[in-house]
C-alpha atoms as a PDB file:
ATOM      1  CA  MET A   1      -0.008   0.113   0.020  1.00  0.00           C
ATOM      2  CA  ALA A   2       1.501   3.235  -1.173  1.00  0.00           C
ATOM      3  CA  ARG A   3       1.649   5.978   1.658  1.00  0.00           C
ATOM      4  CA  LYS A   4      -0.189   8.946   1.415  1.00  0.00           C
ATOM      5  CA  ARG A   5       1.417  12.202   0.849  1.00  0.00           C
ATOM      6  CA  GLN A   6       1.688  14.184   3.575  1.00  0.00           C
ATOM      7  CA  PRO A   7       0.881  18.047   3.221  1.00  0.00           C
ATOM      8  CA  PRO A   8       3.375  20.566   3.199  1.00  0.00           C
ATOM      9  CA  VAL A   9       4.633  22.162   6.915  1.00  0.00           C
ATOM     10  CA  ALA A  10       3.325  25.780   6.928  1.00  0.00           C
ATOM     11  CA  ASP A  11       6.228  28.477   7.164  1.00  0.00           C
ATOM     12  CA  ALA A  12       5.401  29.612  10.280  1.00  0.00           C
ATOM     13  CA  ASP A  13       5.506  26.006  11.802  1.00  0.00           C
ATOM     14  CA  ARG A  14       8.760  25.643  10.458  1.00  0.00           C
ATOM     15  CA  ARG A  15      10.098  28.729  11.650  1.00  0.00           C
ATOM     16  CA  GLU A  16       8.765  28.143  14.973  1.00  0.00           C
ATOM     17  CA  ILE A  17      10.212  24.382  15.504  1.00  0.00           C
ATOM     18  CA  GLY A  18      13.560  26.450  14.177  1.00  0.00           C
ATOM     19  CA  GLY A  19      13.123  28.994  16.967  1.00  0.00           C
ATOM     20  CA  LEU A  20      12.303  26.290  19.641  1.00  0.00           C
ATOM     21  CA  LEU A  21      15.807  24.497  18.808  1.00  0.00           C
ATOM     22  CA  ARG A  22      17.573  27.740  18.869  1.00  0.00           C
ATOM     23  CA  THR A  23      16.441  28.740  22.348  1.00  0.00           C
ATOM     24  CA  VAL A  24      17.015  25.549  23.894  1.00  0.00           C
ATOM     25  CA  ARG A  25      20.424  25.100  22.473  1.00  0.00           C
ATOM     26  CA  ARG A  26      21.140  28.909  23.555  1.00  0.00           C
ATOM     27  CA  ALA A  27      19.558  27.947  26.898  1.00  0.00           C
ATOM     28  CA  ALA A  28      22.049  25.053  27.010  1.00  0.00           C
ATOM     29  CA  GLY A  29      25.178  27.254  26.689  1.00  0.00           C
ATOM     30  CA  TYR A  30      25.811  26.572  22.760  1.00  0.00           C
ATOM     31  CA  ARG A  31      26.423  30.083  21.403  1.00  0.00           C
ATOM     32  CA  SER A  32      26.989  28.323  18.018  1.00  0.00           C
ATOM     33  CA  VAL A  33      25.470  25.526  16.033  1.00  0.00           C
ATOM     34  CA  GLU A  34      28.893  24.809  15.498  1.00  0.00           C
ATOM     35  CA  ALA A  35      29.925  24.206  18.674  1.00  0.00           C
ATOM     36  CA  ALA A  36      26.873  22.069  19.792  1.00  0.00           C
ATOM     37  CA  ALA A  37      27.771  19.951  16.668  1.00  0.00           C
ATOM     38  CA  LEU A  38      31.363  19.088  17.838  1.00  0.00           C
ATOM     39  CA  VAL A  39      30.363  17.612  21.025  1.00  0.00           C
ATOM     40  CA  ARG A  40      30.648  13.831  21.284  1.00  0.00           C
ATOM     41  CA  GLY A  41      26.911  12.473  21.135  1.00  0.00           C
ATOM     42  CA  CYS A  42      25.410  15.345  19.179  1.00  0.00           C
ATOM     43  CA  PRO A  43      22.401  13.650  17.608  1.00  0.00           C
ATOM     44  CA  ALA A  44      22.713  15.776  14.186  1.00  0.00           C
ATOM     45  CA  ALA A  45      25.466  17.409  12.095  1.00  0.00           C
ATOM     46  CA  ARG A  46      26.113  20.953  11.980  1.00  0.00           C
ATOM     47  CA  GLN A  47      24.517  21.888   8.608  1.00  0.00           C
ATOM     48  CA  THR A  48      21.338  19.680   9.399  1.00  0.00           C
ATOM     49  CA  ILE A  49      20.937  21.816  12.664  1.00  0.00           C
ATOM     50  CA  TYR A  50      21.619  24.976  10.921  1.00  0.00           C
ATOM     51  CA  ALA A  51      18.849  23.570   8.323  1.00  0.00           C
ATOM     52  CA  TYR A  52      16.071  23.023  11.002  1.00  0.00           C
ATOM     53  CA  GLU A  53      17.203  26.270  13.201  1.00  0.00           C
ATOM     54  CA  ARG A  54      16.885  28.534   9.730  1.00  0.00           C
ATOM     55  CA  GLY A  55      13.433  26.563   8.996  1.00  0.00           C
ATOM     56  CA  GLY A  56      14.837  25.081   5.776  1.00  0.00           C
ATOM     57  CA  LEU A  57      14.130  21.417   6.780  1.00  0.00           C
ATOM     58  CA  VAL A  58      11.766  20.317   9.595  1.00  0.00           C
ATOM     59  CA  PRO A  59      13.050  17.641  11.879  1.00  0.00           C
ATOM     60  CA  SER A  60      11.026  14.520  12.289  1.00  0.00           C
ATOM     61  CA  LEU A  61       9.469  14.534  15.786  1.00  0.00           C
ATOM     62  CA  GLN A  62      12.007  11.787  16.837  1.00  0.00           C
ATOM     63  CA  GLN A  63      14.987  14.272  15.302  1.00  0.00           C
ATOM     64  CA  PHE A  64      13.596  17.108  17.395  1.00  0.00           C
ATOM     65  CA  LEU A  65      13.128  15.092  20.516  1.00  0.00           C
ATOM     66  CA  GLU A  66      16.946  13.962  20.277  1.00  0.00           C
ATOM     67  CA  LEU A  67      17.967  17.542  19.913  1.00  0.00           C
ATOM     68  CA  VAL A  68      16.341  18.849  23.027  1.00  0.00           C
ATOM     69  CA  GLU A  69      17.186  15.723  25.152  1.00  0.00           C
ATOM     70  CA  PHE A  70      21.058  16.459  24.125  1.00  0.00           C
ATOM     71  CA  TYR A  71      20.707  20.016  24.722  1.00  0.00           C
ATOM     72  CA  ALA A  72      19.131  19.703  28.374  1.00  0.00           C
ATOM     73  CA  THR A  73      21.440  16.588  29.039  1.00  0.00           C
ATOM     74  CA  LYS A  74      24.913  17.945  27.945  1.00  0.00           C
ATOM     75  CA  PRO A  75      25.009  21.469  28.611  1.00  0.00           C
ATOM     76  CA  SER A  76      27.878  23.685  27.889  1.00  0.00           C
ATOM     77  CA  ASP A  77      29.436  26.395  30.196  1.00  0.00           C
ATOM     78  CA  GLY A  78      27.154  29.327  30.461  1.00  0.00           C
ATOM     79  CA  SER A  79      24.017  27.079  30.254  1.00  0.00           C
ATOM     80  CA  LYS A  80      20.909  28.192  32.288  1.00  0.00           C
ATOM     81  CA  THR A  81      20.735  26.262  35.608  1.00  0.00           C
ATOM     82  CA  GLU A  82      19.720  22.612  35.465  1.00  0.00           C
ATOM     83  CA  GLU A  83      16.172  23.271  36.614  1.00  0.00           C
ATOM     84  CA  ASP A  84      15.846  26.161  34.126  1.00  0.00           C
ATOM     85  CA  LEU A  85      17.202  24.612  31.130  1.00  0.00           C
ATOM     86  CA  ARG A  86      15.013  21.344  31.713  1.00  0.00           C
ATOM     87  CA  ALA A  87      12.001  23.336  32.301  1.00  0.00           C
ATOM     88  CA  GLN A  88      12.864  25.210  28.883  1.00  0.00           C
ATOM     89  CA  ALA A  89      13.305  21.737  27.045  1.00  0.00           C
ATOM     90  CA  VAL A  90       9.757  20.833  28.237  1.00  0.00           C
ATOM     91  CA  ALA A  91       8.121  23.945  27.445  1.00  0.00           C
ATOM     92  CA  ALA A  92       9.823  23.451  23.683  1.00  0.00           C
ATOM     93  CA  ILE A  93       8.478  19.464  23.623  1.00  0.00           C
ATOM     94  CA  ALA A  94       4.879  20.936  24.647  1.00  0.00           C
ATOM     95  CA  ARG A  95       5.009  23.554  22.201  1.00  0.00           C
ATOM     96  CA  ALA A  96       6.186  21.661  19.268  1.00  0.00           C
ATOM     97  CA  ILE A  97       3.863  18.976  19.519  1.00  0.00           C
ATOM     98  CA  ALA A  98       1.083  21.107  19.558  1.00  0.00           C
ATOM     99  CA  LEU A  99       1.898  22.313  16.137  1.00  0.00           C
ATOM    100  CA  ASP A 100       0.186  21.284  13.115  1.00  0.00           C
ATOM    101  CA  ALA A 101       3.429  19.986  11.652  1.00  0.00           C
ATOM    102  CA  TYR A 102       3.727  17.041  14.318  1.00  0.00           C
ATOM    103  CA  HIS A 103       0.043  16.065  14.072  1.00  0.00           C
ATOM    104  CA  PHE A 104      -0.245  15.290  17.935  1.00  0.00           C
ATOM    105  CA  THR A 105      -3.633  17.184  17.804  1.00  0.00           C
ATOM    106  CA  ASP A 106      -4.589  15.151  15.138  1.00  0.00           C
ATOM    107  CA  ALA A 107      -3.780  11.755  16.590  1.00  0.00           C
ATOM    108  CA  MET A 108      -5.633  12.616  19.913  1.00  0.00           C
ATOM    109  CA  ALA A 109      -8.753  13.654  18.100  1.00  0.00           C
ATOM    110  CA  LEU A 110      -8.600  10.384  16.272  1.00  0.00           C
ATOM    111  CA  MET A 111      -8.109   8.449  19.355  1.00  0.00           C
ATOM    112  CA  GLN A 112     -11.158  10.191  21.024  1.00  0.00           C
ATOM    113  CA  ARG A 113     -13.211   9.580  17.878  1.00  0.00           C
ATOM    114  CA  LEU A 114     -12.221   5.785  18.045  1.00  0.00           C
ATOM    115  CA  GLN A 115     -13.064   5.498  22.042  1.00  0.00           C
ATOM    116  CA  PRO A 116     -15.713   2.988  22.330  1.00  0.00           C
ATOM    117  CA  LYS A 117     -18.906   3.861  23.900  1.00  0.00           C
ATOM    118  CA  PRO A 118     -19.117   3.180  27.603  1.00  0.00           C
ATOM    119  CA  ALA A 119     -21.213   0.359  28.417  1.00  0.00           C
ATOM    120  CA  GLY A 120     -24.198   1.013  30.137  1.00  0.00           C
ATOM    121  CA  ARG A 121     -25.049  -0.075  33.701  1.00  0.00           C
ATOM    122  CA  PRO A 122     -26.134  -3.362  33.972  1.00  0.00           C
ATOM    123  CA  ARG A 123     -29.998  -4.128  34.130  1.00  0.00           C
ATOM    124  CA  ARG A 124     -31.365  -5.882  37.622  1.00  0.00           C
ATOM    125  CA  CYS A 125     -33.850  -8.599  36.525  1.00  0.00           C
END
């Protein structure tokens, strides 16, 4: 069965996802994408991160989560406090899944539509 072609991601969503990644990177103390990409364990190459942050590419949800986790768990010198950084990472994830680009709200709506109707009370004879 062929896959259904997905609609393109809106420019506003592309920019917002890039901005979320940029904000978390900076909060982690990485002043540049290059500094982050040079750290062992960085889940994406420098050019890929640049493309994400500029809105040229949209990371899959998994890629987005991997980058946010990397920034939140491997901060650089000059980062926000661990508590602030983790809170910022959680806020970025919450915002990202609310965007149409990741279809999370569509999934929630589908689950709601597919829920079986609650069984009625059993009748007494």
